[in-house]
Amino acid sequence: MTWTLVVVHSIAHATTVWLHSLFMHTDATAKCKRLAATQSVLRIIAAVPLWHFRYINPTMGTVWATACGVFLEEIHALKALHRGPPHKEELNLRAFLSRWDLKAASSTLAVGPMSLLFHVLN
């Protein structure tokens, strides 16, 4: 995957996240689309061999940090709704994140929200 494709796809998915964030409190479909776009951004992070690039564009750091922030919000919201053992939706989010080697990506990027994501998961 070329850097141009990484940038274009990440920004397109981030735009979907930001657009649907406006309506997520009143529209369940918007919330689902926001989460799906976030998963797509995180798939890009996991799929790209970041060590092949000399630098990460600051815009991309912001886009990727936003995606991690959305996952943190979702996990915290699910925990707040369901006291006790983790709810099925929370377990699904955790399972999605555990499939990807995001820990390696976070150490490469040194982005704060990504490291927070791993503290929440562990």
N, C-alpha and C. Protein backbone atom coordinates (compact mmCIF):
# COMPACT_ATOMS: atom_id res chain seq x y z
N MET A 1 0.86 -1.18 0.00
CA MET A 1 0.00 0.00 0.00
C MET A 1 0.90 1.23 0.00
N THR A 2 0.65 2.14 -0.91
CA THR A 2 1.46 3.34 -0.98
C THR A 2 1.00 4.35 0.06
N TRP A 3 1.89 5.28 0.36
CA TRP A 3 1.58 6.30 1.37
C TRP A 3 0.37 7.12 0.96
N THR A 4 0.23 7.41 -0.33
CA THR A 4 -0.91 8.19 -0.81
C THR A 4 -2.22 7.48 -0.51
N LEU A 5 -2.26 6.17 -0.73
CA LEU A 5 -3.48 5.41 -0.42
C LEU A 5 -3.76 5.40 1.07
N VAL A 6 -2.73 5.28 1.87
CA VAL A 6 -2.91 5.31 3.33
C VAL A 6 -3.54 6.63 3.75
N VAL A 7 -3.01 7.73 3.24
CA VAL A 7 -3.51 9.06 3.59
C VAL A 7 -4.95 9.23 3.12
N VAL A 8 -5.22 8.93 1.87
CA VAL A 8 -6.55 9.13 1.31
C VAL A 8 -7.60 8.30 2.04
N HIS A 9 -7.31 7.03 2.25
CA HIS A 9 -8.28 6.17 2.92
C HIS A 9 -8.47 6.55 4.38
N SER A 10 -7.39 6.88 5.06
CA SER A 10 -7.51 7.30 6.46
C SER A 10 -8.34 8.56 6.60
N ILE A 11 -8.09 9.54 5.74
CA ILE A 11 -8.84 10.80 5.82
C ILE A 11 -10.31 10.57 5.44
N ALA A 12 -10.57 9.72 4.45
CA ALA A 12 -11.96 9.44 4.07
C ALA A 12 -12.72 8.80 5.23
N HIS A 13 -12.10 7.83 5.88
CA HIS A 13 -12.76 7.18 7.02
C HIS A 13 -12.89 8.15 8.20
N ALA A 14 -11.88 8.97 8.41
CA ALA A 14 -11.96 9.96 9.50
C ALA A 14 -13.08 10.96 9.25
N THR A 15 -13.27 11.33 8.00
CA THR A 15 -14.37 12.24 7.66
C THR A 15 -15.70 11.60 8.00
N THR A 16 -15.83 10.32 7.72
CA THR A 16 -17.05 9.59 8.09
C THR A 16 -17.24 9.59 9.60
N VAL A 17 -16.15 9.37 10.33
CA VAL A 17 -16.22 9.39 11.80
C VAL A 17 -16.71 10.75 12.28
N TRP A 18 -16.11 11.82 11.79
CA TRP A 18 -16.48 13.16 12.24
C TRP A 18 -17.90 13.53 11.83
N LEU A 19 -18.29 13.16 10.62
CA LEU A 19 -19.64 13.46 10.15
C LEU A 19 -20.70 12.76 11.01
N HIS A 20 -20.50 11.49 11.26
CA HIS A 20 -21.49 10.73 12.03
C HIS A 20 -21.42 11.01 13.52
N SER A 21 -20.34 11.62 13.98
CA SER A 21 -20.26 12.02 15.39
C SER A 21 -21.31 13.08 15.72
N LEU A 22 -21.69 13.86 14.72
CA LEU A 22 -22.69 14.91 14.94
C LEU A 22 -24.06 14.32 15.27
N PHE A 23 -24.35 13.13 14.76
CA PHE A 23 -25.68 12.55 14.90
C PHE A 23 -25.73 11.29 15.76
N MET A 24 -24.61 10.89 16.33
CA MET A 24 -24.55 9.60 17.02
C MET A 24 -25.43 9.52 18.26
N HIS A 25 -25.73 10.66 18.88
CA HIS A 25 -26.55 10.63 20.10
C HIS A 25 -28.04 10.48 19.79
N THR A 26 -28.43 10.78 18.56
CA THR A 26 -29.84 10.70 18.20
C THR A 26 -30.14 9.64 17.15
N ASP A 27 -29.12 9.08 16.54
CA ASP A 27 -29.32 8.12 15.46
C ASP A 27 -28.39 6.92 15.66
N ALA A 28 -28.98 5.75 15.90
CA ALA A 28 -28.18 4.54 16.13
C ALA A 28 -27.38 4.14 14.89
N THR A 29 -27.93 4.39 13.71
CA THR A 29 -27.22 4.07 12.47
C THR A 29 -25.95 4.90 12.35
N ALA A 30 -26.04 6.17 12.71
CA ALA A 30 -24.86 7.04 12.66
C ALA A 30 -23.77 6.53 13.60
N LYS A 31 -24.18 6.07 14.78
CA LYS A 31 -23.21 5.54 15.74
C LYS A 31 -22.53 4.29 15.17
N CYS A 32 -23.30 3.41 14.53
CA CYS A 32 -22.73 2.20 13.92
C CYS A 32 -21.77 2.54 12.78
N LYS A 33 -22.15 3.51 11.95
CA LYS A 33 -21.28 3.91 10.83
C LYS A 33 -20.00 4.55 11.35
N ARG A 34 -20.11 5.30 12.43
CA ARG A 34 -18.94 5.93 13.05
C ARG A 34 -17.97 4.86 13.55
N LEU A 35 -18.51 3.85 14.20
CA LEU A 35 -17.67 2.78 14.72
C LEU A 35 -17.05 1.96 13.59
N ALA A 36 -17.81 1.70 12.53
CA ALA A 36 -17.28 0.95 11.39
C ALA A 36 -16.14 1.72 10.71
N ALA A 37 -16.30 3.03 10.56
CA ALA A 37 -15.24 3.84 9.96
C ALA A 37 -14.00 3.86 10.85
N THR A 38 -14.22 3.88 12.15
CA THR A 38 -13.10 3.83 13.09
C THR A 38 -12.35 2.51 12.96
N GLN A 39 -13.08 1.42 12.85
CA GLN A 39 -12.44 0.12 12.67
C GLN A 39 -11.62 0.10 11.38
N SER A 40 -12.12 0.74 10.35
CA SER A 40 -11.38 0.81 9.08
C SER A 40 -10.06 1.57 9.24
N VAL A 41 -10.10 2.66 9.98
CA VAL A 41 -8.87 3.43 10.24
C VAL A 41 -7.88 2.56 11.00
N LEU A 42 -8.35 1.85 12.01
CA LEU A 42 -7.44 1.02 12.80
C LEU A 42 -6.91 -0.16 11.98
N ARG A 43 -7.70 -0.66 11.04
CA ARG A 43 -7.19 -1.70 10.13
C ARG A 43 -6.05 -1.16 9.27
N ILE A 44 -6.18 0.08 8.84
CA ILE A 44 -5.11 0.70 8.05
C ILE A 44 -3.84 0.82 8.88
N ILE A 45 -3.99 1.26 10.13
CA ILE A 45 -2.82 1.39 11.01
C ILE A 45 -2.11 0.05 11.14
N ALA A 46 -2.91 -1.01 11.34
CA ALA A 46 -2.33 -2.33 11.54
C ALA A 46 -1.73 -2.91 10.26
N ALA A 47 -2.27 -2.53 9.10
CA ALA A 47 -1.82 -3.11 7.83
C ALA A 47 -0.58 -2.45 7.26
N VAL A 48 -0.31 -1.22 7.68
CA VAL A 48 0.79 -0.47 7.09
C VAL A 48 2.08 -0.74 7.85
N PRO A 49 3.14 -1.17 7.16
CA PRO A 49 4.43 -1.33 7.82
C PRO A 49 5.06 0.05 8.04
N LEU A 50 4.78 0.63 9.18
CA LEU A 50 5.16 2.01 9.45
C LEU A 50 6.67 2.25 9.43
N TRP A 51 7.45 1.24 9.69
CA TRP A 51 8.90 1.43 9.73
C TRP A 51 9.47 1.70 8.33
N HIS A 52 8.68 1.48 7.27
CA HIS A 52 9.15 1.77 5.91
C HIS A 52 9.07 3.26 5.56
N PHE A 53 8.36 4.02 6.37
CA PHE A 53 8.19 5.44 6.09
C PHE A 53 9.14 6.25 6.96
N ARG A 54 9.69 7.31 6.39
CA ARG A 54 10.65 8.13 7.14
C ARG A 54 9.97 8.95 8.22
N TYR A 55 8.76 9.37 8.00
CA TYR A 55 8.05 10.18 8.99
C TYR A 55 6.55 9.95 8.82
N ILE A 56 5.81 10.31 9.84
CA ILE A 56 4.36 10.25 9.80
C ILE A 56 3.85 11.69 9.75
N ASN A 57 3.03 11.99 8.78
CA ASN A 57 2.43 13.30 8.62
C ASN A 57 1.63 13.64 9.89
N PRO A 58 1.78 14.84 10.44
CA PRO A 58 1.03 15.21 11.65
C PRO A 58 -0.48 15.09 11.49
N THR A 59 -0.97 15.31 10.29
CA THR A 59 -2.40 15.13 10.04
C THR A 59 -2.80 13.68 10.27
N MET A 60 -1.96 12.76 9.83
CA MET A 60 -2.25 11.34 10.01
C MET A 60 -2.22 10.96 11.49
N GLY A 61 -1.31 11.55 12.23
CA GLY A 61 -1.28 11.30 13.67
C GLY A 61 -2.58 11.73 14.31
N THR A 62 -3.11 12.86 13.89
CA THR A 62 -4.38 13.36 14.41
C THR A 62 -5.53 12.44 14.03
N VAL A 63 -5.55 12.01 12.78
CA VAL A 63 -6.61 11.10 12.31
C VAL A 63 -6.56 9.80 13.09
N TRP A 64 -5.39 9.23 13.24
CA TRP A 64 -5.27 7.96 13.93
C TRP A 64 -5.56 8.09 15.42
N ALA A 65 -5.14 9.19 16.02
CA ALA A 65 -5.45 9.42 17.43
C ALA A 65 -6.96 9.57 17.64
N THR A 66 -7.63 10.21 16.70
CA THR A 66 -9.09 10.35 16.77
C THR A 66 -9.76 8.98 16.75
N ALA A 67 -9.29 8.11 15.89
CA ALA A 67 -9.86 6.76 15.81
C ALA A 67 -9.69 6.02 17.13
N CYS A 68 -8.54 6.14 17.73
CA CYS A 68 -8.32 5.49 19.03
C CYS A 68 -9.21 6.11 20.09
N GLY A 69 -9.39 7.42 20.02
CA GLY A 69 -10.28 8.10 20.97
C GLY A 69 -11.71 7.61 20.87
N VAL A 70 -12.17 7.34 19.65
CA VAL A 70 -13.53 6.81 19.46
C VAL A 70 -13.67 5.45 20.14
N PHE A 71 -12.66 4.60 19.98
CA PHE A 71 -12.72 3.29 20.64
C PHE A 71 -12.72 3.44 22.16
N LEU A 72 -11.93 4.36 22.67
CA LEU A 72 -11.94 4.60 24.12
C LEU A 72 -13.32 5.05 24.58
N GLU A 73 -13.93 5.97 23.84
CA GLU A 73 -15.28 6.44 24.18
C GLU A 73 -16.28 5.29 24.19
N GLU A 74 -16.23 4.44 23.18
CA GLU A 74 -17.17 3.33 23.08
C GLU A 74 -16.99 2.34 24.23
N ILE A 75 -15.74 2.02 24.54
CA ILE A 75 -15.49 1.07 25.62
C ILE A 75 -15.94 1.65 26.95
N HIS A 76 -15.65 2.93 27.20
CA HIS A 76 -16.08 3.57 28.45
C HIS A 76 -17.60 3.68 28.52
N ALA A 77 -18.25 3.98 27.40
CA ALA A 77 -19.71 4.07 27.38
C ALA A 77 -20.34 2.71 27.68
N LEU A 78 -19.79 1.67 27.11
CA LEU A 78 -20.32 0.33 27.37
C LEU A 78 -20.10 -0.08 28.81
N LYS A 79 -18.95 0.27 29.37
CA LYS A 79 -18.70 -0.04 30.78
C LYS A 79 -19.66 0.71 31.69
N ALA A 80 -19.96 1.96 31.35
CA ALA A 80 -20.87 2.77 32.16
C ALA A 80 -22.29 2.22 32.12
N LEU A 81 -22.70 1.69 30.98
CA LEU A 81 -24.05 1.15 30.84
C LEU A 81 -24.23 -0.19 31.53
N HIS A 82 -23.18 -0.98 31.54
CA HIS A 82 -23.28 -2.35 32.03
C HIS A 82 -22.26 -2.59 33.13
N ARG A 83 -22.68 -2.40 34.34
CA ARG A 83 -21.80 -2.70 35.48
C ARG A 83 -21.66 -4.21 35.60
N GLY A 84 -20.55 -4.65 36.12
CA GLY A 84 -20.33 -6.08 36.27
C GLY A 84 -19.42 -6.60 35.17
N PRO A 85 -19.64 -7.86 34.77
CA PRO A 85 -18.77 -8.43 33.74
C PRO A 85 -18.94 -7.70 32.41
N PRO A 86 -17.91 -7.72 31.57
CA PRO A 86 -17.99 -7.01 30.28
C PRO A 86 -19.18 -7.48 29.45
N HIS A 87 -19.83 -6.52 28.82
CA HIS A 87 -20.97 -6.79 27.95
C HIS A 87 -20.47 -7.33 26.61
N LYS A 88 -21.34 -7.99 25.87
CA LYS A 88 -20.97 -8.60 24.58
C LYS A 88 -20.36 -7.58 23.62
N GLU A 89 -20.93 -6.38 23.54
CA GLU A 89 -20.40 -5.36 22.63
C GLU A 89 -18.99 -4.95 23.02
N GLU A 90 -18.75 -4.82 24.32
CA GLU A 90 -17.40 -4.48 24.78
C GLU A 90 -16.42 -5.59 24.43
N LEU A 91 -16.84 -6.84 24.63
CA LEU A 91 -15.98 -7.96 24.29
C LEU A 91 -15.68 -8.00 22.79
N ASN A 92 -16.67 -7.64 21.97
CA ASN A 92 -16.44 -7.58 20.52
C ASN A 92 -15.41 -6.52 20.16
N LEU A 93 -15.49 -5.34 20.80
CA LEU A 93 -14.50 -4.29 20.54
C LEU A 93 -13.11 -4.74 20.95
N ARG A 94 -13.03 -5.35 22.12
CA ARG A 94 -11.73 -5.83 22.59
C ARG A 94 -11.17 -6.92 21.67
N ALA A 95 -12.04 -7.81 21.19
CA ALA A 95 -11.60 -8.87 20.28
C ALA A 95 -11.09 -8.28 18.97
N PHE A 96 -11.79 -7.26 18.47
CA PHE A 96 -11.34 -6.60 17.24
C PHE A 96 -9.94 -6.03 17.43
N LEU A 97 -9.74 -5.33 18.54
CA LEU A 97 -8.45 -4.70 18.78
C LEU A 97 -7.35 -5.71 19.02
N SER A 98 -7.68 -6.83 19.64
CA SER A 98 -6.64 -7.81 19.94
C SER A 98 -6.15 -8.54 18.69
N ARG A 99 -6.93 -8.50 17.61
CA ARG A 99 -6.50 -9.16 16.36
C ARG A 99 -5.39 -8.40 15.65
N TRP A 100 -5.26 -7.13 15.93
CA TRP A 100 -4.31 -6.30 15.20
C TRP A 100 -3.10 -6.02 16.07
N ASP A 101 -1.96 -5.89 15.44
CA ASP A 101 -0.74 -5.58 16.17
C ASP A 101 -0.62 -4.07 16.34
N LEU A 102 -1.59 -3.49 17.07
CA LEU A 102 -1.59 -2.05 17.26
C LEU A 102 -0.55 -1.61 18.27
N LYS A 103 -0.13 -2.52 19.12
CA LYS A 103 0.88 -2.14 20.10
C LYS A 103 2.18 -1.73 19.40
N ALA A 104 2.55 -2.47 18.37
CA ALA A 104 3.75 -2.11 17.60
C ALA A 104 3.56 -0.77 16.91
N ALA A 105 2.37 -0.55 16.38
CA ALA A 105 2.09 0.73 15.71
C ALA A 105 2.15 1.88 16.71
N SER A 106 1.64 1.67 17.91
CA SER A 106 1.64 2.76 18.89
C SER A 106 3.05 3.10 19.34
N SER A 107 3.92 2.10 19.45
CA SER A 107 5.29 2.41 19.85
C SER A 107 6.02 3.14 18.72
N THR A 108 5.66 2.86 17.48
CA THR A 108 6.26 3.57 16.36
C THR A 108 5.77 5.00 16.30
N LEU A 109 4.47 5.19 16.53
CA LEU A 109 3.89 6.52 16.42
C LEU A 109 4.04 7.35 17.68
N ALA A 110 4.09 6.69 18.83
CA ALA A 110 4.15 7.38 20.13
C ALA A 110 2.99 8.36 20.27
N VAL A 111 1.80 7.91 19.91
CA VAL A 111 0.59 8.73 20.02
C VAL A 111 -0.09 8.42 21.34
N GLY A 112 -0.37 9.45 22.14
CA GLY A 112 -0.95 9.28 23.46
C GLY A 112 -2.20 8.43 23.52
N PRO A 113 -3.24 8.73 22.74
CA PRO A 113 -4.46 7.95 22.83
C PRO A 113 -4.28 6.48 22.51
N MET A 114 -3.31 6.15 21.65
CA MET A 114 -3.09 4.74 21.35
C MET A 114 -2.55 4.01 22.57
N SER A 115 -1.64 4.65 23.31
CA SER A 115 -1.14 3.99 24.50
C SER A 115 -2.23 3.87 25.56
N LEU A 116 -3.11 4.85 25.63
CA LEU A 116 -4.25 4.76 26.55
C LEU A 116 -5.15 3.58 26.19
N LEU A 117 -5.30 3.33 24.92
CA LEU A 117 -6.13 2.23 24.46
C LEU A 117 -5.63 0.91 25.03
N PHE A 118 -4.33 0.73 25.11
CA PHE A 118 -3.80 -0.52 25.61
C PHE A 118 -3.94 -0.63 27.12
N HIS A 119 -3.91 0.50 27.83
CA HIS A 119 -4.15 0.46 29.27
C HIS A 119 -5.59 0.06 29.55
N VAL A 120 -6.52 0.51 28.73
CA VAL A 120 -7.92 0.15 28.90
C VAL A 120 -8.12 -1.32 28.61
N LEU A 121 -7.44 -1.84 27.59
CA LEU A 121 -7.62 -3.23 27.19
C LEU A 121 -6.96 -4.21 28.15
N ASN A 122 -5.94 -3.79 28.82
CA ASN A 122 -5.22 -4.73 29.71
C ASN A 122 -5.67 -4.61 31.13
